[in-house]
Amino acid sequence: MRGQRTISRERSPKPPGPPPSPGMRWIPNGTFLMGSEDFYPEEAPVHSVSVDGFWIDETAVTAAQFRRFVRETSYVTVAERPLAPEQYPDADADLLVPGSLVFRKTSGPVRLDDFRNWWEYVPGAYWKRPGGPGTTINGRDRHPVVHVAYEDAEAYATWAGKELPSEAEWEYAARGGIDGAPFAWGDEHFPGGRPVANTWQGQFPWQNLELDGYEGTSPVGTFDPNGYGLYDMCGNTWEWISDWYAPRHADAAESPCCAPRNPRVTSPDASFAIGQPGDHIPRRVMKGGSHLCAPNYCLRYRPAARQGETIDTSTGHIGFRCIVRPRGNEAVPATVEAPGDD
């Protein structure tokens, strides 16, 4: 499907009124090709999907916005809470304390099949102390908030009168009106020879050339927006999605007229990573890639790219953004059954 372009149908360019809150953009309803068959198997098959119009945050939720939420609600994030030993039977007892995963650049090449080579569980790391005790978010108000688990993102969205997007809504918005291109900005990886998103340039996880100007997260809005005026839909931080993860998309409809509308995976049954650490914990979808994504390890800073993440996980490269569905679109849509590993 590389390079293919289609025109979304039934598009309504005009929003139903003013934005429900500042910093939100209207995404018109339409039909697009979701998924990809050119990169990773979990992105297939390519299939036609329709979505209703909705509002979406221009940027990921920032540290300043999350700080206001915590101040007004006294909310305590998952990373700040004690861990239940029965939930982590194989964990080192010394690590059963509040904390989060922090990235550590290695001194040289390492095996890429073991994330423990570059991720470290750091006691005391959380959204306000992203690198652990002694670190701070002071001066980083415009950076995306990180070290938020799925529950934290959902709690913020509820407080703000919003929701987390479905995978179809997020991918449709990320494409910015360009259907079939691998990247949110088109076909070229580095258009004009320059990076247009905050990703990893060089050999992950030891050589970061910083061609984009950043080694970690960047302030939201640093790079140009996509065709819908949305920033950092690819790169900077992964973003939590409301759908439960499934190892592949549902099969394409037999006829274009039968494209599923507002599909969501609402059952966690297929989301468990059997045989993997934490395989008893269900996973939600993440989209967008992050500043740690590199072509030699994780070419996932693309609209079609997706990963599953356990709902209790918080790291220094996962954030989120919110949506608002107009009144009349709140009805529960048709649910797509999560396909398993065939």
Protein backbone atom coordinates (compact mmCIF):
# COMPACT_ATOMS: atom_id res chain seq x y z
CA MET A 1 0.00 0.00 0.00
CA ARG A 2 3.05 2.26 -0.02
CA GLY A 3 2.37 5.66 -1.53
CA GLN A 4 -1.33 4.98 -2.11
CA ARG A 5 -3.67 7.94 -1.67
CA THR A 6 -7.40 7.84 -1.15
CA ILE A 7 -9.92 10.58 -0.50
CA SER A 8 -11.94 10.41 2.70
CA ARG A 9 -15.67 10.23 2.06
CA GLU A 10 -18.51 12.16 3.71
CA ARG A 11 -16.09 14.72 5.08
CA SER A 12 -17.66 17.59 7.04
CA PRO A 13 -14.98 20.27 7.26
CA LYS A 14 -16.92 22.64 9.50
CA PRO A 15 -16.87 22.01 13.27
CA PRO A 16 -20.20 21.92 15.12
CA GLY A 17 -19.26 24.99 17.16
CA PRO A 18 -16.35 26.50 19.07
CA PRO A 19 -13.72 24.22 20.60
CA PRO A 20 -14.84 22.67 23.91
CA SER A 21 -11.59 23.92 25.47
CA PRO A 22 -8.58 25.94 24.27
CA GLY A 23 -5.97 24.17 22.20
CA MET A 24 -8.25 21.64 20.49
CA ARG A 25 -8.66 21.03 16.76
CA TRP A 26 -11.66 19.71 14.87
CA ILE A 27 -11.12 16.50 12.91
CA PRO A 28 -13.83 16.04 10.25
CA ASN A 29 -15.57 12.71 9.80
CA GLY A 30 -14.34 10.53 6.98
CA THR A 31 -13.05 7.18 5.78
CA PHE A 32 -9.39 6.19 5.55
CA LEU A 33 -7.06 3.22 5.13
CA MET A 34 -5.96 2.11 8.59
CA GLY A 35 -2.83 0.03 9.19
CA SER A 36 0.16 -0.90 7.07
CA GLU A 37 1.65 -4.02 5.51
CA ASP A 38 5.12 -2.55 4.93
CA PHE A 39 6.70 -2.57 8.39
CA TYR A 40 5.61 -4.66 11.40
CA PRO A 41 3.12 -7.56 11.41
CA GLU A 42 0.87 -6.11 14.13
CA GLU A 43 -0.02 -3.21 11.80
CA ALA A 44 -1.73 -5.47 9.25
CA PRO A 45 -4.02 -5.86 7.49
CA VAL A 46 -4.71 -2.55 5.82
CA HIS A 47 -8.44 -1.98 6.05
CA SER A 48 -10.95 0.76 5.42
CA VAL A 49 -12.38 2.48 8.51
CA SER A 50 -14.83 5.35 9.00
CA VAL A 51 -14.82 7.75 11.93
CA ASP A 52 -17.16 10.48 13.08
CA GLY A 53 -15.86 14.00 13.60
CA PHE A 54 -14.28 14.86 16.95
CA TRP A 55 -12.14 17.41 18.75
CA ILE A 56 -8.57 16.52 19.70
CA ASP A 57 -5.83 18.26 21.68
CA GLU A 58 -3.30 20.01 19.45
CA THR A 59 -0.49 18.68 21.63
CA ALA A 60 0.17 15.99 24.16
CA VAL A 61 -0.83 16.93 27.70
CA THR A 62 2.01 18.95 29.18
CA ALA A 63 3.71 18.79 32.56
CA ALA A 64 2.11 22.14 33.44
CA GLN A 65 -1.38 20.89 32.58
CA PHE A 66 -0.89 17.71 34.57
CA ARG A 67 0.45 19.72 37.53
CA ARG A 68 -2.78 21.74 37.61
CA PHE A 69 -4.80 18.51 37.59
CA VAL A 70 -2.82 17.12 40.54
CA ARG A 71 -3.09 20.37 42.50
CA GLU A 72 -6.86 20.54 42.07
CA THR A 73 -7.57 16.87 42.76
CA SER A 74 -4.66 15.66 44.94
CA TYR A 75 -4.37 12.76 42.51
CA VAL A 76 -1.61 10.22 43.16
CA THR A 77 -0.22 8.50 40.07
CA VAL A 78 0.39 4.78 39.75
CA ALA A 79 4.16 5.35 39.92
CA GLU A 80 3.76 6.96 43.35
CA ARG A 81 1.79 4.11 44.90
CA PRO A 82 3.14 1.06 46.76
CA LEU A 83 3.35 -2.13 44.69
CA ALA A 84 1.40 -5.24 45.63
CA PRO A 85 3.84 -8.22 45.87
CA GLU A 86 1.24 -10.67 44.58
CA GLN A 87 1.01 -8.70 41.32
CA TYR A 88 4.77 -9.01 40.74
CA PRO A 89 5.77 -12.45 42.04
CA ASP A 90 9.09 -12.52 40.15
CA ALA A 91 10.22 -9.01 41.06
CA ASP A 92 13.17 -8.21 43.28
CA ALA A 93 11.77 -7.36 46.72
CA ASP A 94 13.94 -4.22 46.79
CA LEU A 95 12.09 -2.92 43.75
CA LEU A 96 8.60 -3.33 45.18
CA VAL A 97 8.55 0.35 46.02
CA PRO A 98 7.00 3.31 44.17
CA GLY A 99 8.95 4.20 41.05
CA SER A 100 9.02 4.10 37.27
CA LEU A 101 11.14 3.06 34.29
CA VAL A 102 13.92 5.44 33.28
CA PHE A 103 15.95 5.19 30.08
CA ARG A 104 19.73 4.83 30.43
CA LYS A 105 21.82 5.28 27.28
CA THR A 106 24.37 2.50 27.00
CA SER A 107 28.10 3.02 26.52
CA GLY A 108 28.17 0.92 23.38
CA PRO A 109 26.22 -1.58 21.26
CA VAL A 110 24.11 -4.10 23.18
CA ARG A 111 21.68 -6.86 22.30
CA LEU A 112 18.39 -5.34 21.18
CA ASP A 113 16.24 -8.27 22.28
CA ASP A 114 16.35 -7.37 25.98
CA PHE A 115 14.93 -3.98 27.01
CA ARG A 116 16.60 -4.30 30.41
CA ASN A 117 19.82 -3.25 28.70
CA TRP A 118 18.54 0.34 28.58
CA TRP A 119 15.52 0.56 30.91
CA GLU A 120 16.04 0.79 34.67
CA TYR A 121 13.33 0.71 37.34
CA VAL A 122 14.16 3.75 39.46
CA PRO A 123 12.55 4.06 42.91
CA GLY A 124 11.17 7.54 43.36
CA ALA A 125 10.81 8.31 39.66
CA TYR A 126 7.42 9.74 38.71
CA TRP A 127 5.94 12.54 36.62
CA LYS A 128 7.46 15.31 38.77
CA ARG A 129 10.84 13.53 39.15
CA PRO A 130 11.28 12.07 35.66
CA GLY A 131 14.85 10.91 36.21
CA GLY A 132 14.33 9.85 39.81
CA PRO A 133 15.12 11.64 43.10
CA GLY A 134 17.07 14.84 42.55
CA THR A 135 15.55 15.54 39.12
CA THR A 136 12.75 17.98 38.41
CA ILE A 137 10.33 19.21 35.77
CA ASN A 138 11.11 22.84 36.62
CA GLY A 139 11.65 24.65 33.34
CA ARG A 140 9.91 21.86 31.45
CA ASP A 141 6.32 23.06 31.66
CA ARG A 142 5.87 22.78 27.89
CA HIS A 143 7.28 19.26 27.70
CA PRO A 144 4.79 16.38 27.55
CA VAL A 145 4.06 14.83 30.93
CA VAL A 146 5.60 11.36 31.21
CA HIS A 147 5.64 8.52 33.74
CA VAL A 148 1.86 8.27 33.48
CA ALA A 149 0.20 4.86 33.43
CA TYR A 150 -3.05 4.28 31.55
CA GLU A 151 -5.11 4.86 34.69
CA ASP A 152 -3.44 8.24 35.20
CA ALA A 153 -4.18 9.36 31.65
CA GLU A 154 -7.80 8.28 31.98
CA ALA A 155 -8.17 10.10 35.31
CA TYR A 156 -6.85 13.32 33.77
CA ALA A 157 -9.15 13.00 30.78
CA THR A 158 -12.19 12.52 33.02
CA TRP A 159 -11.23 15.55 35.12
CA ALA A 160 -10.84 17.65 31.97
CA GLY A 161 -14.24 16.55 30.60
CA LYS A 162 -12.56 14.64 27.81
CA GLU A 163 -11.71 11.07 26.79
CA LEU A 164 -8.78 9.13 25.43
CA PRO A 165 -9.03 8.49 21.68
CA SER A 166 -9.74 5.16 20.05
CA GLU A 167 -7.00 3.75 17.85
CA ALA A 168 -8.98 4.55 14.70
CA GLU A 169 -9.59 8.14 15.81
CA TRP A 170 -5.96 8.68 16.75
CA GLU A 171 -4.55 7.21 13.53
CA TYR A 172 -7.02 9.14 11.37
CA ALA A 173 -6.04 12.39 13.09
CA ALA A 174 -2.32 11.58 12.93
CA ARG A 175 -2.44 11.15 9.15
CA GLY A 176 -3.51 14.77 8.80
CA GLY A 177 -5.54 14.13 5.66
CA ILE A 178 -2.74 12.22 3.91
CA ASP A 179 -3.93 8.66 3.42
CA GLY A 180 -1.52 5.84 2.61
CA ALA A 181 1.78 7.62 3.33
CA PRO A 182 4.13 5.97 5.83
CA PHE A 183 4.73 9.16 7.84
CA ALA A 184 2.43 11.87 9.13
CA TRP A 185 4.25 14.34 6.88
CA GLY A 186 4.33 12.18 3.73
CA ASP A 187 6.53 9.56 2.08
CA GLU A 188 10.05 10.76 2.89
CA HIS A 189 11.75 9.84 6.14
CA PHE A 190 13.75 13.09 6.29
CA PRO A 191 12.08 15.50 3.83
CA GLY A 192 14.65 17.92 2.54
CA GLY A 193 17.31 15.99 4.44
CA ARG A 194 16.18 17.19 7.88
CA PRO A 195 14.33 15.51 10.76
CA VAL A 196 10.79 16.77 11.23
CA ALA A 197 10.00 14.96 14.48
CA ASN A 198 11.74 14.19 17.75
CA THR A 199 13.12 10.70 17.21
CA TRP A 200 16.45 8.92 17.67
CA GLN A 201 19.07 9.51 14.99
CA GLY A 202 21.99 7.11 15.19
CA GLN A 203 22.41 3.61 16.56
CA PHE A 204 20.02 2.90 19.42
CA PRO A 205 20.58 2.73 22.40
CA TRP A 206 24.12 4.11 22.54
CA GLN A 207 24.65 6.63 19.74
CA ASN A 208 22.27 9.59 19.59
CA LEU A 209 23.42 12.07 16.95
CA GLU A 210 20.74 14.58 18.07
CA LEU A 211 20.18 15.83 14.52
CA ASP A 212 16.76 17.02 15.69
CA GLY A 213 18.34 19.03 18.51
CA TYR A 214 17.07 16.90 21.39
CA GLU A 215 18.27 13.89 23.33
CA GLY A 216 15.13 13.54 25.46
CA THR A 217 11.66 14.99 25.09
CA SER A 218 11.17 18.33 23.38
CA PRO A 219 8.66 21.08 24.19
CA VAL A 220 5.31 20.44 22.52
CA GLY A 221 4.94 22.40 19.29
CA THR A 222 8.67 22.41 18.51
CA PHE A 223 8.20 20.72 15.14
CA ASP A 224 5.75 21.62 12.38
CA PRO A 225 2.17 20.37 12.78
CA ASN A 226 0.50 17.89 10.45
CA GLY A 227 -2.28 18.75 8.03
CA TYR A 228 -4.84 18.99 10.82
CA GLY A 229 -2.71 21.35 12.90
CA LEU A 230 -1.65 18.66 15.40
CA TYR A 231 1.83 18.56 16.90
CA ASP A 232 4.03 15.57 17.73
CA MET A 233 1.60 12.94 16.51
CA CYS A 234 4.76 11.02 15.66
CA GLY A 235 7.82 11.09 17.89
CA ASN A 236 8.50 12.79 21.23
CA THR A 237 6.30 10.48 23.36
CA TRP A 238 4.11 7.46 22.82
CA GLU A 239 0.45 8.14 23.56
CA TRP A 240 -2.06 5.96 25.40
CA ILE A 241 -5.11 4.79 23.41
CA SER A 242 -8.42 3.59 24.86
CA ASP A 243 -8.51 0.36 22.78
CA TRP A 244 -7.28 -2.89 24.26
CA TYR A 245 -4.35 -4.27 22.29
CA ALA A 246 -4.77 -7.10 19.80
CA PRO A 247 -1.84 -8.68 17.90
CA ARG A 248 -3.31 -7.69 14.55
CA HIS A 249 -6.14 -5.65 13.10
CA ALA A 250 -9.47 -7.17 12.18
CA ASP A 251 -9.73 -8.34 8.59
CA ALA A 252 -10.81 -5.84 5.96
CA ALA A 253 -14.47 -5.66 5.06
CA GLU A 254 -15.44 -7.43 1.84
CA SER A 255 -16.91 -4.24 0.38
CA PRO A 256 -15.88 -0.58 0.85
CA CYS A 257 -19.47 0.22 1.71
CA CYS A 258 -19.16 -2.01 4.77
CA ALA A 259 -16.19 -0.24 6.38
CA PRO A 260 -16.60 -0.37 10.16
CA ARG A 261 -17.59 2.95 11.72
CA ASN A 262 -15.86 4.07 14.90
CA PRO A 263 -14.47 0.58 15.62
CA ARG A 264 -13.03 -0.09 19.05
CA VAL A 265 -11.53 -3.13 20.71
CA THR A 266 -13.41 -3.21 24.02
CA SER A 267 -12.34 -6.64 25.28
CA PRO A 268 -8.94 -7.27 26.91
CA ASP A 269 -9.03 -10.99 26.14
CA ALA A 270 -6.44 -10.90 23.33
CA SER A 271 -4.23 -8.30 24.98
CA PHE A 272 -2.23 -10.55 27.29
CA ALA A 273 1.38 -11.25 26.22
CA ILE A 274 1.44 -14.92 27.14
CA GLY A 275 4.92 -16.11 28.06
CA GLN A 276 6.25 -12.58 28.53
CA PRO A 277 7.01 -10.86 31.85
CA GLY A 278 3.78 -9.48 33.30
CA ASP A 279 1.65 -11.71 31.09
CA HIS A 280 -1.17 -11.59 33.67
CA ILE A 281 -1.64 -7.84 33.14
CA PRO A 282 -3.78 -6.68 30.17
CA ARG A 283 -2.41 -4.24 27.61
CA ARG A 284 -3.75 -1.12 25.93
CA VAL A 285 -2.62 0.27 22.58
CA MET A 286 0.05 2.95 22.34
CA LYS A 287 0.56 5.03 19.20
CA GLY A 288 3.01 7.51 17.73
CA GLY A 289 6.47 6.38 18.73
CA SER A 290 8.84 8.48 20.82
CA HIS A 291 12.20 10.21 21.02
CA LEU A 292 13.68 6.74 21.62
CA CYS A 293 12.48 5.28 18.31
CA ALA A 294 15.25 4.60 15.80
CA PRO A 295 15.23 2.85 12.41
CA ASN A 296 17.65 0.16 13.67
CA TYR A 297 15.32 -0.78 16.53
CA CYS A 298 11.84 0.77 16.42
CA LEU A 299 10.70 2.50 13.23
CA ARG A 300 7.35 3.26 14.84
CA TYR A 301 7.07 7.04 14.57
CA ARG A 302 4.38 6.51 11.94
CA PRO A 303 0.56 6.80 12.12
CA ALA A 304 0.02 3.08 11.44
CA ALA A 305 2.55 1.91 14.03
CA ARG A 306 1.23 0.45 17.27
CA GLN A 307 2.39 -1.34 20.37
CA GLY A 308 0.72 -2.96 23.35
CA GLU A 309 1.69 -1.83 26.83
CA THR A 310 0.60 -3.21 30.19
CA ILE A 311 -1.79 -0.84 31.89
CA ASP A 312 0.37 -0.51 35.00
CA THR A 313 3.44 0.66 33.06
CA SER A 314 4.85 4.16 33.34
CA THR A 315 8.04 5.28 31.63
CA GLY A 316 9.90 8.39 30.59
CA HIS A 317 8.60 8.16 27.01
CA ILE A 318 4.84 7.59 27.37
CA GLY A 319 2.32 10.43 27.48
CA PHE A 320 -1.17 11.06 26.08
CA ARG A 321 -3.59 13.53 24.54
CA CYS A 322 -7.38 13.77 24.80
CA ILE A 323 -10.42 14.11 22.57
CA VAL A 324 -14.00 15.31 22.86
CA ARG A 325 -16.75 13.71 20.84
CA PRO A 326 -19.63 16.08 19.96
CA ARG A 327 -23.00 15.44 21.52
CA GLY A 328 -24.76 12.82 19.47
CA ASN A 329 -21.54 10.84 18.92
CA GLU A 330 -21.43 9.43 22.43
CA ALA A 331 -23.36 6.26 21.62
CA VAL A 332 -21.31 3.09 21.98
CA PRO A 333 -20.07 2.23 18.48
CA ALA A 334 -19.89 -1.16 16.87
CA THR A 335 -17.18 -3.18 18.59
CA VAL A 336 -14.54 -5.03 16.62
CA GLU A 337 -13.71 -8.38 18.12
CA ALA A 338 -10.01 -8.55 18.89
CA PRO A 339 -8.38 -11.11 16.59
CA GLY A 340 -5.92 -13.50 18.13
CA ASP A 341 -2.62 -14.89 16.93
CA ASP A 342 -3.59 -17.25 14.12
